[in-house]
Amino acid sequence: MRIGIGLPTVLPSVPGPAVLDWARRAEARGFSTLGVIDRIAYPNFEPMTALAAAAGATGTIGLMTDVLLGPTRDPVLLAKQSASLAQLSGGRFTLGLGVGAREDDYAVVGRDFHARGREADRGLAVMDAVWRGEAPDGTVRTSAPLAGGLGRPRLMIGGSSEASMRRIVRWGDGWTASSSVGAALEALVGRVRRAWRDAGREGAPRISVLTYFAIGEDPRAAAFLLDYYGPQRGAALAESLPTTEDELRATARRLEDAGVDEMVTFPTLPEIDQVDRLADVLLR
């Protein structure tokens, strides 16, 4: 199982240069991927911008939105952005998409939270057309390919609903999940693989799981999770947060046993020594 690490792009008061230092350190220590998570109504770095900067600061490590709130973006522009980032990074970028669960992220961009599933389906169809060099249905026709022949990035879809399963097998290269699915993870991995086979897809879907970590007891870790996710989900994540070497290794073993291909674990503390301490535990 590959081990990726999240960038500290949502942690309070982390300056831009520190994010790039984190990216360079993660690459030097051998992590597989740099991940970013997405909010709109929150004081975080915009994910695609952060990964573009990280791509320029690194040379080999993977780059992934884990996940981007697809229905909050214009799909034509997102298709061009993601194809551009994939090309400019030398094929290192993976677009992870989900619909999210916070109404305020949709309200601030004037999108209908309750229509996010339908918009996700529409957006994926539009992006697929753009990546194939076609003008998507419902747009002004153009004789020039909208993505300029840049092609299609790798695409991961988040979510555990039946609609999410349909999106994975129709459009995606695999599934990305949150560790908050807990004991249901192994069953969900099985659902994804069965849906993949039933749809006649070749090979196997890529399986990725997002987790959090904090090495060492520090109240700032729980405070961040509570602020970012709210009292209910934040408290549950803080309660299960691995903070010791044994807990981190146990988390990695559990995911690997469930059939996960890549664990991307995100920081809850901003100090760059968290990169080295995590590498010392999981990359030996």
Protein backbone atom coordinates (compact mmCIF):
# COMPACT_ATOMS: atom_id res chain seq x y z
CA MET A 1 0.00 0.00 0.00
CA ARG A 2 1.32 3.42 -0.94
CA ILE A 3 1.46 6.18 1.69
CA GLY A 4 0.61 9.74 0.72
CA ILE A 5 0.46 12.85 2.88
CA GLY A 6 -1.82 15.86 2.87
CA LEU A 7 -0.59 19.42 2.55
CA PRO A 8 -1.41 21.75 5.50
CA THR A 9 -3.55 23.99 3.29
CA VAL A 10 -6.51 24.15 5.69
CA LEU A 11 -4.61 24.52 8.96
CA PRO A 12 -4.79 27.92 10.65
CA SER A 13 -2.11 30.51 9.91
CA VAL A 14 0.13 28.35 7.69
CA PRO A 15 1.88 30.71 5.22
CA GLY A 16 2.22 29.84 1.55
CA PRO A 17 5.99 29.24 1.59
CA ALA A 18 5.53 26.74 4.44
CA VAL A 19 3.12 24.73 2.27
CA LEU A 20 5.77 24.48 -0.44
CA ASP A 21 8.45 23.53 2.10
CA TRP A 22 6.10 20.77 3.27
CA ALA A 23 5.68 19.56 -0.33
CA ARG A 24 9.44 19.41 -0.90
CA ARG A 25 10.05 17.61 2.39
CA ALA A 26 7.32 15.07 1.64
CA GLU A 27 8.85 14.30 -1.74
CA ALA A 28 12.32 13.96 -0.25
CA ARG A 29 11.05 11.52 2.38
CA GLY A 30 9.39 9.27 -0.21
CA PHE A 31 5.64 9.84 0.17
CA SER A 32 3.65 8.76 -2.87
CA THR A 33 1.21 11.66 -3.15
CA LEU A 34 0.48 15.18 -1.92
CA GLY A 35 -3.22 15.58 -1.15
CA VAL A 36 -5.41 18.64 -0.64
CA ILE A 37 -8.92 18.84 0.76
CA ASP A 38 -11.53 21.37 -0.27
CA ARG A 39 -13.79 23.91 1.35
CA ILE A 40 -15.26 27.08 -0.10
CA ALA A 41 -16.69 28.76 3.02
CA TYR A 42 -13.45 28.37 4.99
CA PRO A 43 -10.10 30.24 5.14
CA ASN A 44 -8.07 27.61 3.28
CA PHE A 45 -5.84 27.75 0.21
CA GLU A 46 -7.74 27.01 -3.00
CA PRO A 47 -6.86 23.37 -3.83
CA MET A 48 -6.06 23.59 -7.56
CA THR A 49 -3.90 26.67 -6.99
CA ALA A 50 -2.08 24.98 -4.11
CA LEU A 51 -1.36 21.86 -6.18
CA ALA A 52 -0.16 23.93 -9.13
CA ALA A 53 2.34 25.62 -6.83
CA ALA A 54 3.33 22.27 -5.31
CA ALA A 55 3.83 20.83 -8.80
CA GLY A 56 6.34 23.57 -9.54
CA ALA A 57 8.15 23.00 -6.25
CA THR A 58 8.50 19.22 -6.75
CA GLY A 59 9.40 16.83 -9.54
CA THR A 60 8.15 13.30 -8.91
CA ILE A 61 5.55 13.10 -6.16
CA GLY A 62 1.88 12.60 -7.08
CA LEU A 63 -0.71 15.36 -6.65
CA MET A 64 -4.36 14.79 -5.76
CA THR A 65 -7.50 16.67 -4.77
CA ASP A 66 -8.99 14.51 -2.05
CA VAL A 67 -11.64 15.65 -2.76
CA LEU A 68 -12.64 18.73 -4.74
CA LEU A 69 -16.28 19.81 -4.44
CA GLY A 70 -17.08 19.35 -8.12
CA PRO A 71 -20.59 20.86 -8.24
CA THR A 72 -19.31 24.18 -6.82
CA ARG A 73 -17.16 24.72 -9.94
CA ASP A 74 -17.92 25.40 -13.57
CA PRO A 75 -17.26 22.02 -15.23
CA VAL A 76 -15.78 23.39 -18.46
CA LEU A 77 -13.23 25.48 -16.58
CA LEU A 78 -12.54 22.64 -14.15
CA ALA A 79 -11.91 20.27 -17.06
CA LYS A 80 -9.42 22.73 -18.56
CA GLN A 81 -7.75 23.38 -15.20
CA SER A 82 -7.36 19.71 -14.38
CA ALA A 83 -6.11 18.74 -17.84
CA SER A 84 -3.64 21.63 -17.70
CA LEU A 85 -2.36 20.62 -14.27
CA ALA A 86 -1.98 17.01 -15.36
CA GLN A 87 0.10 18.07 -18.36
CA LEU A 88 2.16 20.73 -16.59
CA SER A 89 3.03 18.31 -13.78
CA GLY A 90 4.13 15.58 -16.15
CA GLY A 91 1.09 13.41 -15.53
CA ARG A 92 1.35 13.50 -11.74
CA PHE A 93 -2.12 14.94 -11.05
CA THR A 94 -5.21 12.97 -10.01
CA LEU A 95 -8.56 14.76 -9.83
CA GLY A 96 -10.56 13.49 -6.89
CA LEU A 97 -14.18 14.69 -6.92
CA GLY A 98 -17.01 14.58 -4.42
CA VAL A 99 -20.19 16.48 -3.60
CA GLY A 100 -19.59 17.42 0.04
CA ALA A 101 -22.02 17.72 2.92
CA ARG A 102 -21.92 21.40 3.93
CA GLU A 103 -24.61 23.72 2.64
CA ASP A 104 -22.56 26.88 3.24
CA ASP A 105 -19.96 25.83 0.65
CA TYR A 106 -22.71 25.94 -1.98
CA ALA A 107 -24.45 29.05 -0.68
CA VAL A 108 -21.36 31.26 -1.02
CA VAL A 109 -20.99 30.44 -4.73
CA GLY A 110 -24.70 30.63 -5.48
CA ARG A 111 -25.16 26.90 -6.14
CA ASP A 112 -28.08 24.72 -5.04
CA PHE A 113 -26.88 22.36 -2.31
CA HIS A 114 -29.87 20.08 -2.81
CA ALA A 115 -29.14 19.69 -6.53
CA ARG A 116 -25.49 18.76 -6.01
CA GLY A 117 -25.97 15.13 -7.05
CA ARG A 118 -27.62 16.07 -10.35
CA GLU A 119 -24.96 18.72 -10.92
CA ALA A 120 -22.22 16.18 -10.23
CA ASP A 121 -23.62 13.92 -12.94
CA ARG A 122 -23.99 16.80 -15.39
CA GLY A 123 -20.52 18.10 -14.59
CA LEU A 124 -18.86 14.74 -15.17
CA ALA A 125 -20.55 14.42 -18.56
CA VAL A 126 -19.41 17.92 -19.51
CA MET A 127 -15.83 17.32 -18.35
CA ASP A 128 -15.65 14.01 -20.20
CA ALA A 129 -16.70 15.75 -23.41
CA VAL A 130 -14.13 18.51 -22.92
CA TRP A 131 -11.35 15.99 -22.25
CA ARG A 132 -12.31 14.14 -25.44
CA GLY A 133 -12.03 17.37 -27.39
CA GLU A 134 -15.75 17.85 -27.94
CA ALA A 135 -18.07 20.73 -27.17
CA PRO A 136 -20.38 19.49 -24.40
CA ASP A 137 -24.13 19.45 -24.91
CA GLY A 138 -25.79 22.71 -24.00
CA THR A 139 -22.74 24.90 -24.69
CA VAL A 140 -22.02 27.20 -27.58
CA ARG A 141 -20.55 25.06 -30.34
CA THR A 142 -16.92 25.60 -31.15
CA SER A 143 -14.62 24.15 -33.76
CA ALA A 144 -11.65 24.10 -31.35
CA PRO A 145 -11.24 21.42 -28.67
CA LEU A 146 -11.93 23.16 -25.36
CA ALA A 147 -9.09 21.38 -23.58
CA GLY A 148 -6.68 22.02 -26.43
CA GLY A 149 -5.76 18.35 -26.81
CA LEU A 150 -4.47 18.23 -23.23
CA GLY A 151 -6.26 14.97 -22.52
CA ARG A 152 -7.82 13.54 -19.39
CA PRO A 153 -6.36 13.39 -15.87
CA ARG A 154 -6.78 10.36 -13.64
CA LEU A 155 -10.18 10.64 -11.96
CA MET A 156 -11.23 9.39 -8.53
CA ILE A 157 -14.79 9.68 -7.23
CA GLY A 158 -15.75 9.97 -3.58
CA GLY A 159 -18.93 8.93 -1.80
CA SER A 160 -20.66 5.72 -0.74
CA SER A 161 -24.19 6.16 -2.14
CA GLU A 162 -25.54 4.17 -5.06
CA ALA A 163 -25.25 7.31 -7.19
CA SER A 164 -21.56 7.55 -6.24
CA MET A 165 -21.03 3.92 -7.26
CA ARG A 166 -22.59 4.66 -10.66
CA ARG A 167 -20.30 7.67 -11.12
CA ILE A 168 -17.22 5.63 -10.20
CA VAL A 169 -17.84 2.89 -12.74
CA ARG A 170 -19.04 5.20 -15.52
CA TRP A 171 -16.48 7.98 -15.26
CA GLY A 172 -13.76 7.17 -12.76
CA ASP A 173 -10.50 5.32 -12.40
CA GLY A 174 -11.35 4.41 -8.83
CA TRP A 175 -12.81 5.37 -5.47
CA THR A 176 -11.55 7.66 -2.73
CA ALA A 177 -13.04 7.35 0.73
CA SER A 178 -12.82 8.95 4.14
CA SER A 179 -11.59 6.91 7.09
CA SER A 180 -14.81 7.99 8.82
CA VAL A 181 -16.57 5.09 7.06
CA GLY A 182 -14.88 3.04 9.79
CA ALA A 183 -15.79 -0.62 10.03
CA ALA A 184 -17.81 -0.40 6.80
CA LEU A 185 -14.66 0.16 4.74
CA GLU A 186 -14.02 -3.45 3.73
CA ALA A 187 -17.65 -3.91 2.67
CA LEU A 188 -17.55 -0.67 0.66
CA VAL A 189 -14.35 -1.72 -1.11
CA GLY A 190 -16.16 -4.90 -2.05
CA ARG A 191 -19.15 -2.93 -3.37
CA VAL A 192 -16.89 -0.79 -5.55
CA ARG A 193 -15.13 -3.82 -7.00
CA ARG A 194 -18.38 -5.67 -7.67
CA ALA A 195 -19.90 -2.62 -9.36
CA TRP A 196 -16.74 -2.31 -11.45
CA ARG A 197 -16.95 -5.91 -12.62
CA ASP A 198 -20.70 -5.73 -13.20
CA ALA A 199 -20.19 -2.67 -15.41
CA GLY A 200 -17.69 -4.61 -17.53
CA ARG A 201 -14.77 -2.37 -16.64
CA GLU A 202 -11.34 -3.87 -17.25
CA GLY A 203 -8.74 -4.28 -14.53
CA ALA A 204 -9.46 -3.16 -10.99
CA PRO A 205 -10.52 0.20 -9.54
CA ARG A 206 -7.90 2.18 -7.68
CA ILE A 207 -8.84 2.50 -3.98
CA SER A 208 -7.67 5.45 -1.89
CA VAL A 209 -8.56 6.42 1.69
CA LEU A 210 -8.14 9.80 3.37
CA THR A 211 -7.13 9.77 7.04
CA TYR A 212 -5.84 12.28 9.59
CA PHE A 213 -2.91 12.11 11.96
CA ALA A 214 -1.13 14.02 14.71
CA ILE A 215 2.07 12.60 16.13
CA GLY A 216 2.07 13.53 19.78
CA GLU A 217 -0.77 14.68 22.00
CA ASP A 218 -1.65 18.29 21.20
CA PRO A 219 -5.03 20.00 21.81
CA ARG A 220 -4.68 21.95 18.55
CA ALA A 221 -5.35 18.76 16.57
CA ALA A 222 -8.81 18.22 18.05
CA ALA A 223 -9.54 21.96 17.89
CA PHE A 224 -8.84 21.97 14.16
CA LEU A 225 -11.06 18.96 13.46
CA LEU A 226 -13.91 20.45 15.50
CA ASP A 227 -13.61 23.77 13.66
CA TYR A 228 -13.34 22.24 10.20
CA TYR A 229 -15.97 19.51 10.50
CA GLY A 230 -18.26 20.82 13.23
CA PRO A 231 -19.06 19.36 16.64
CA GLN A 232 -20.49 15.98 15.66
CA ARG A 233 -18.19 14.70 12.94
CA GLY A 234 -15.21 16.64 14.26
CA ALA A 235 -15.54 15.05 17.69
CA ALA A 236 -15.73 11.57 16.16
CA LEU A 237 -12.60 12.20 14.07
CA ALA A 238 -10.75 13.65 17.05
CA GLU A 239 -11.68 10.62 19.16
CA SER A 240 -10.25 8.19 16.59
CA LEU A 241 -7.25 10.32 15.58
CA PRO A 242 -4.02 8.29 15.60
CA THR A 243 -1.39 10.11 17.68
CA THR A 244 1.14 7.36 18.47
CA GLU A 245 3.37 5.19 16.33
CA ASP A 246 1.39 2.09 17.25
CA GLU A 247 -1.91 3.73 16.34
CA LEU A 248 -0.55 4.91 12.99
CA ARG A 249 0.77 1.48 12.13
CA ALA A 250 -2.52 -0.11 13.17
CA THR A 251 -4.45 2.31 10.95
CA ALA A 252 -2.22 1.50 7.98
CA ARG A 253 -2.54 -2.26 8.56
CA ARG A 254 -6.33 -2.02 8.77
CA LEU A 255 -6.55 -0.15 5.47
CA GLU A 256 -4.13 -2.47 3.72
CA ASP A 257 -6.05 -5.51 4.97
CA ALA A 258 -9.25 -3.95 3.57
CA GLY A 259 -7.70 -3.79 0.10
CA VAL A 260 -6.77 -0.12 -0.02
CA ASP A 261 -4.12 0.83 -2.61
CA GLU A 262 -3.13 4.19 -1.13
CA MET A 263 -3.57 5.86 2.24
CA VAL A 264 -3.34 9.66 2.11
CA THR A 265 -3.06 10.94 5.65
CA PHE A 266 -3.59 14.62 6.43
CA PRO A 267 -1.97 16.68 9.17
CA THR A 268 -3.83 18.31 12.02
CA LEU A 269 -0.68 20.07 13.29
CA PRO A 270 1.31 22.54 11.15
CA GLU A 271 4.92 21.86 12.16
CA ILE A 272 6.98 20.43 9.29
CA ASP A 273 8.60 17.87 11.58
CA GLN A 274 5.27 16.02 11.36
CA VAL A 275 6.34 15.01 7.83
CA ASP A 276 9.56 13.44 9.10
CA ARG A 277 7.93 11.82 12.10
CA LEU A 278 5.23 10.25 9.92
CA ALA A 279 7.82 9.04 7.42
CA ASP A 280 9.86 7.48 10.22
CA VAL A 281 6.79 5.46 11.27
CA LEU A 282 5.17 4.47 7.97
CA LEU A 283 7.91 4.58 5.32
CA ARG A 284 10.58 2.44 6.95
